Structure formats: structure tokens, C-alpha cells
Amino acid sequence: MDADRWVDRVTSQRDHLPESAELQKIEDELRALASRSHALEAERKPTRDRFNEAADTASTLRQRRNDLEIRLNAASANPRELVAMQSELAHLNEKLSKAEDREVELLLELEPLDEVAHEISTAAQPLVQRRHELQAAIAELTATLNDELEHLRQSRDEAASRVPEELRRRYDQALRRSGVSGAALLDGGKCDGCRVSLSPLDQDRWKAEPNGFLPCPHCGRLLLPC
């Protein structure tokens, strides 16, 4: 009985580590941040695509303007060609001005979204670090508790081998029904397994056969004297 109760305690400790609860909370927070990040990226993408398109247009116009300025500065063309290039240059400057204005406009639209993305990233970094720490701690604690459980189970098997076969069979049957242990102490007329008080009649029956290992009428555990 004691061995099985210890196995249950250590198993419960291993399966309900405070670090595991904290890790679950951090995982939930990281999933929430990831969800915000995905939603934000979906919102940013169309604006970013338009910004990249405007930036590419401005870059192409800027390169074309530079090429024209170089040709004009060379002054090797005839007057008609010079007039045409000057006209094209004026037109390019007008288009470039509009393209640069659009580029700035879209950049200003992106700025608050980028700030939110930075906030999400900043919030996630310490959580990711803590998650790694907790995962390592949980792995170490779990390994230690598994070693302890292995030792407890070996001790339990050794104790069980010293119990008469018929009594061990009854104990194992009660254990399968109730869990934790197949026996319980009768303390102050109450089964310390299910925490239910026995009726006076059941207590009298148990007292009449103190070594008979009568089962608790409520949970089925074999009742032992306290």
C-alpha cells in the first residue's frame, strides 16, 4: 500500500510539474503572438507590395533621368534631339516626383504596422528564451523522477513478493478497481482511501475480523488497522 501510494505521488508530481504549467502558459502566449503576427502580415503584405512597386518605378525613372542628364551634359546631340531630351527630362522629373510622393505615402502607411511587428517580436523574444529554459528543466526533472519511479516500482515488486498469493490477488483486484492502492487505513471509523465513514455495522464487522482484510464497502480497498 505505501509503495503504491508513493508511486502515485511521484507520478502525479512528474505529470503536474509547476514548470509544465508555466510552459503551457508561455506556449499559449507565443501562439497568441504568432496569430497576431500572421494577421498583421496579411494586413501589411498588400501595402508592402504596393510600396515595392512604387520604389521600383521610382528607381527606374531615376535611372532613366540620370542617363538623360549624362547625354545632355555631353552636348553631342543636335538641337532637335536636345529639345526632345529636355522635354523627356521634364516629363521624367514630373513622373518621378509623383512616384516618390507615392513611395513616401506608402512608407508612412507601413510605419505603424512595422512598429506593431517590432512590438510583437520584442514581446516574443523573452518568452522564447524562457521556453527553452523550461523545456530543459522539465526534461531534467522528468528524468530524475522517472529514475525515482523505477526504484519505487522495484521496491514495490519486492514488497509484493512477500505477500501471500491469495492476499496479493485480492489486493491487485482492489487496486484495479480503485486506483492508487488496493488497501487503505481505517482511521477513526473512516477509510483514508475514499474518505468515507463506515457505518457502525461495518465497523463492527471489521473489528470482529481485524486480520481478515475486509474491503471498504464504498471503494473496495482492503481495510487495514491504523
Protein backbone atom coordinates (compact mmCIF):
# COMPACT_ATOMS: atom_id res chain seq x y z
CA MET A 1 0.00 0.00 0.00
CA ASP A 2 2.69 2.50 0.97
CA ALA A 3 4.73 1.67 -2.12
CA ASP A 4 1.77 2.17 -4.44
CA ARG A 5 0.88 5.44 -2.77
CA TRP A 6 4.44 6.67 -3.21
CA VAL A 7 4.37 5.64 -6.87
CA ASP A 8 1.15 7.62 -7.29
CA ARG A 9 2.60 10.69 -5.52
CA VAL A 10 5.76 10.73 -7.61
CA THR A 11 3.82 10.04 -10.82
CA SER A 12 1.48 12.94 -10.02
CA GLN A 13 4.47 15.16 -9.25
CA ARG A 14 6.08 14.26 -12.58
CA ASP A 15 2.86 14.79 -14.54
CA HIS A 16 1.97 18.09 -12.83
CA LEU A 17 5.26 19.97 -12.63
CA PRO A 18 4.88 23.72 -11.97
CA GLU A 19 7.34 24.20 -14.81
CA SER A 20 4.95 22.37 -17.16
CA ALA A 21 2.10 24.68 -16.19
CA GLU A 22 4.31 27.71 -16.80
CA LEU A 23 5.46 26.27 -20.11
CA GLN A 24 1.86 25.76 -21.21
CA LYS A 25 1.08 29.38 -20.34
CA ILE A 26 4.10 30.59 -22.34
CA GLU A 27 3.15 28.38 -25.28
CA ASP A 28 -0.34 29.92 -25.24
CA GLU A 29 1.15 33.43 -25.17
CA LEU A 30 3.50 32.61 -28.06
CA ARG A 31 0.63 31.16 -30.10
CA ALA A 32 -1.36 34.35 -29.48
CA LEU A 33 1.61 36.46 -30.62
CA ALA A 34 2.07 34.26 -33.68
CA SER A 35 -1.61 34.69 -34.53
CA ARG A 36 -1.26 38.47 -34.22
CA SER A 37 1.85 38.36 -36.37
CA HIS A 38 0.12 36.35 -39.13
CA ALA A 39 -2.85 38.72 -39.12
CA LEU A 40 -0.53 41.72 -39.22
CA GLU A 41 1.50 40.26 -42.09
CA ALA A 42 -1.71 39.67 -44.05
CA GLU A 43 -2.54 43.33 -43.48
CA ARG A 44 0.97 44.54 -44.34
CA LYS A 45 1.52 42.49 -47.49
CA PRO A 46 -0.73 44.44 -49.91
CA THR A 47 0.72 47.76 -48.73
CA ARG A 48 4.27 46.40 -48.83
CA ASP A 49 3.71 45.07 -52.35
CA ARG A 50 2.44 48.48 -53.47
CA PHE A 51 5.41 50.15 -51.77
CA ASN A 52 7.89 47.85 -53.53
CA GLU A 53 6.19 48.51 -56.83
CA ALA A 54 6.36 52.28 -56.26
CA ALA A 55 10.01 52.02 -55.18
CA ASP A 56 10.86 50.01 -58.32
CA THR A 57 9.07 52.56 -60.51
CA ALA A 58 10.91 55.45 -58.85
CA SER A 59 14.23 53.64 -59.23
CA THR A 60 13.62 53.02 -62.96
CA LEU A 61 12.63 56.64 -63.53
CA ARG A 62 15.63 57.86 -61.55
CA GLN A 63 17.99 55.74 -63.65
CA ARG A 64 16.39 56.98 -66.88
CA ARG A 65 16.71 60.61 -65.70
CA ASN A 66 20.39 60.10 -64.87
CA ASP A 67 21.02 58.63 -68.31
CA LEU A 68 19.35 61.62 -69.96
CA GLU A 69 21.30 64.10 -67.84
CA ILE A 70 24.56 62.44 -68.86
CA ARG A 71 23.60 62.66 -72.54
CA LEU A 72 22.56 66.29 -72.16
CA ASN A 73 25.79 67.17 -70.40
CA ALA A 74 27.75 65.56 -73.19
CA ALA A 75 26.15 68.08 -75.63
CA SER A 76 26.88 65.83 -78.61
CA ALA A 77 23.32 65.71 -79.96
CA ASN A 78 21.81 68.10 -82.49
CA PRO A 79 19.45 70.89 -81.30
CA ARG A 80 16.30 68.93 -82.14
CA GLU A 81 17.49 65.93 -80.14
CA LEU A 82 18.47 68.21 -77.25
CA VAL A 83 14.99 69.74 -77.18
CA ALA A 84 13.43 66.27 -77.25
CA MET A 85 15.68 65.08 -74.41
CA GLN A 86 14.95 68.18 -72.35
CA SER A 87 11.23 67.64 -72.88
CA GLU A 88 11.57 63.99 -71.87
CA LEU A 89 13.63 65.00 -68.84
CA ALA A 90 10.94 67.40 -67.69
CA HIS A 91 8.34 64.67 -68.15
CA LEU A 92 10.51 62.18 -66.24
CA ASN A 93 11.00 64.62 -63.38
CA GLU A 94 7.26 65.08 -63.13
CA LYS A 95 6.63 61.31 -63.12
CA LEU A 96 9.49 60.74 -60.69
CA SER A 97 8.12 63.34 -58.31
CA LYS A 98 4.75 61.60 -58.29
CA ALA A 99 6.39 58.18 -57.87
CA GLU A 100 8.49 59.41 -54.93
CA ASP A 101 5.43 61.02 -53.34
CA ARG A 102 3.59 57.67 -53.66
CA GLU A 103 6.61 55.86 -52.22
CA VAL A 104 6.64 58.15 -49.16
CA GLU A 105 2.86 57.85 -48.77
CA LEU A 106 3.03 54.05 -48.69
CA LEU A 107 6.04 54.13 -46.38
CA LEU A 108 4.03 56.19 -43.92
CA GLU A 109 1.23 53.60 -44.13
CA LEU A 110 3.71 50.84 -43.37
CA GLU A 111 5.41 52.60 -40.48
CA PRO A 112 2.77 51.95 -37.77
CA LEU A 113 2.36 48.37 -38.96
CA ASP A 114 6.12 47.85 -38.76
CA GLU A 115 6.09 49.28 -35.25
CA VAL A 116 3.48 46.73 -34.20
CA ALA A 117 5.55 43.96 -35.79
CA HIS A 118 8.55 45.15 -33.79
CA GLU A 119 6.48 45.15 -30.61
CA ILE A 120 5.37 41.56 -31.26
CA SER A 121 8.94 40.45 -31.91
CA THR A 122 10.17 42.22 -28.77
CA ALA A 123 7.46 40.56 -26.67
CA ALA A 124 8.22 37.11 -28.11
CA GLN A 125 11.98 37.10 -27.51
CA PRO A 126 11.98 36.67 -23.69
CA LEU A 127 9.16 34.13 -23.96
CA VAL A 128 11.16 32.03 -26.41
CA GLN A 129 14.18 32.18 -24.09
CA ARG A 130 12.07 31.16 -21.08
CA ARG A 131 10.51 28.34 -23.07
CA HIS A 132 13.96 26.89 -23.79
CA GLU A 133 14.87 27.14 -20.09
CA LEU A 134 11.66 25.43 -19.01
CA GLN A 135 11.99 22.67 -21.58
CA ALA A 136 15.48 21.89 -20.30
CA ALA A 137 14.33 21.99 -16.66
CA ILE A 138 11.33 19.75 -17.38
CA ALA A 139 13.50 17.22 -19.20
CA GLU A 140 15.92 17.08 -16.27
CA LEU A 141 13.19 16.83 -13.61
CA THR A 142 11.28 14.20 -15.59
CA ALA A 143 14.40 12.07 -15.96
CA THR A 144 15.09 12.33 -12.21
CA LEU A 145 11.51 11.43 -11.27
CA ASN A 146 11.45 8.55 -13.76
CA ASP A 147 14.55 7.15 -12.08
CA GLU A 148 12.83 7.50 -8.71
CA LEU A 149 9.72 5.78 -10.05
CA GLU A 150 11.80 2.90 -11.36
CA HIS A 151 13.34 2.46 -7.90
CA LEU A 152 9.92 2.67 -6.22
CA ARG A 153 8.42 0.09 -8.56
CA GLN A 154 11.28 -2.27 -7.87
CA SER A 155 10.72 -1.81 -4.12
CA ARG A 156 7.01 -2.35 -4.66
CA ASP A 157 7.62 -5.60 -6.53
CA GLU A 158 9.91 -6.80 -3.76
CA ALA A 159 7.27 -5.99 -1.12
CA ALA A 160 4.54 -7.67 -3.19
CA SER A 161 6.61 -10.85 -3.48
CA ARG A 162 6.46 -11.21 0.31
CA VAL A 163 2.64 -11.04 0.42
CA PRO A 164 0.76 -14.35 0.34
CA GLU A 165 -0.52 -15.12 -3.15
CA GLU A 166 -4.25 -15.07 -2.30
CA LEU A 167 -3.97 -11.80 -0.42
CA ARG A 168 -1.90 -10.30 -3.22
CA ARG A 169 -4.56 -11.34 -5.71
CA ARG A 170 -7.27 -9.63 -3.66
CA TYR A 171 -5.09 -6.54 -3.27
CA ASP A 172 -4.40 -6.31 -7.02
CA GLN A 173 -8.10 -6.67 -7.79
CA ALA A 174 -8.90 -3.83 -5.41
CA LEU A 175 -6.09 -1.78 -6.91
CA ARG A 176 -7.51 -2.18 -10.42
CA ARG A 177 -10.93 -1.06 -9.19
CA SER A 178 -9.91 1.89 -7.06
CA GLY A 179 -6.53 3.01 -8.37
CA VAL A 180 -3.61 4.42 -6.33
CA SER A 181 -3.55 1.46 -3.91
CA GLY A 182 -5.52 -1.69 -3.20
CA ALA A 183 -5.64 -1.10 0.56
CA ALA A 184 -6.45 1.74 2.91
CA LEU A 185 -6.18 2.53 6.61
CA LEU A 186 -9.28 2.60 8.78
CA ASP A 187 -8.71 5.72 10.84
CA GLY A 188 -11.38 6.88 13.28
CA GLY A 189 -14.01 4.82 11.50
CA LYS A 190 -13.18 6.43 8.13
CA CYS A 191 -11.47 4.83 5.12
CA ASP A 192 -8.49 7.00 4.29
CA GLY A 193 -8.70 5.91 0.66
CA CYS A 194 -12.16 7.19 -0.26
CA ARG A 195 -12.55 9.39 2.86
CA VAL A 196 -15.99 7.92 3.59
CA SER A 197 -17.00 6.85 7.10
CA LEU A 198 -18.07 3.27 7.65
CA SER A 199 -21.41 2.56 9.22
CA PRO A 200 -21.34 1.25 12.82
CA LEU A 201 -22.37 -2.19 11.50
CA ASP A 202 -19.46 -2.27 9.02
CA GLN A 203 -17.06 -1.14 11.74
CA ASP A 204 -18.30 -3.95 14.00
CA ARG A 205 -17.79 -6.48 11.21
CA TRP A 206 -14.27 -5.21 10.64
CA LYS A 207 -13.44 -5.33 14.37
CA ALA A 208 -14.70 -8.90 14.53
CA GLU A 209 -12.18 -9.89 11.87
CA PRO A 210 -9.26 -7.46 12.26
CA ASN A 211 -6.94 -9.72 10.26
CA GLY A 212 -9.42 -10.60 7.59
CA PHE A 213 -8.68 -7.58 5.45
CA LEU A 214 -12.31 -6.82 4.79
CA PRO A 215 -12.92 -4.49 1.84
CA CYS A 216 -14.26 -0.97 2.25
CA PRO A 217 -17.94 -1.13 1.30
CA HIS A 218 -17.58 2.16 -0.61
CA CYS A 219 -14.32 1.89 -2.61
CA GLY A 220 -13.39 -1.80 -2.29
CA ARG A 221 -9.93 -1.22 -0.81
CA LEU A 222 -8.81 -3.74 1.79
CA LEU A 223 -9.06 -2.09 5.19
CA LEU A 224 -6.01 -2.13 7.44
CA PRO A 225 -5.74 -1.03 11.07
CA CYS A 226 -4.26 2.41 11.54
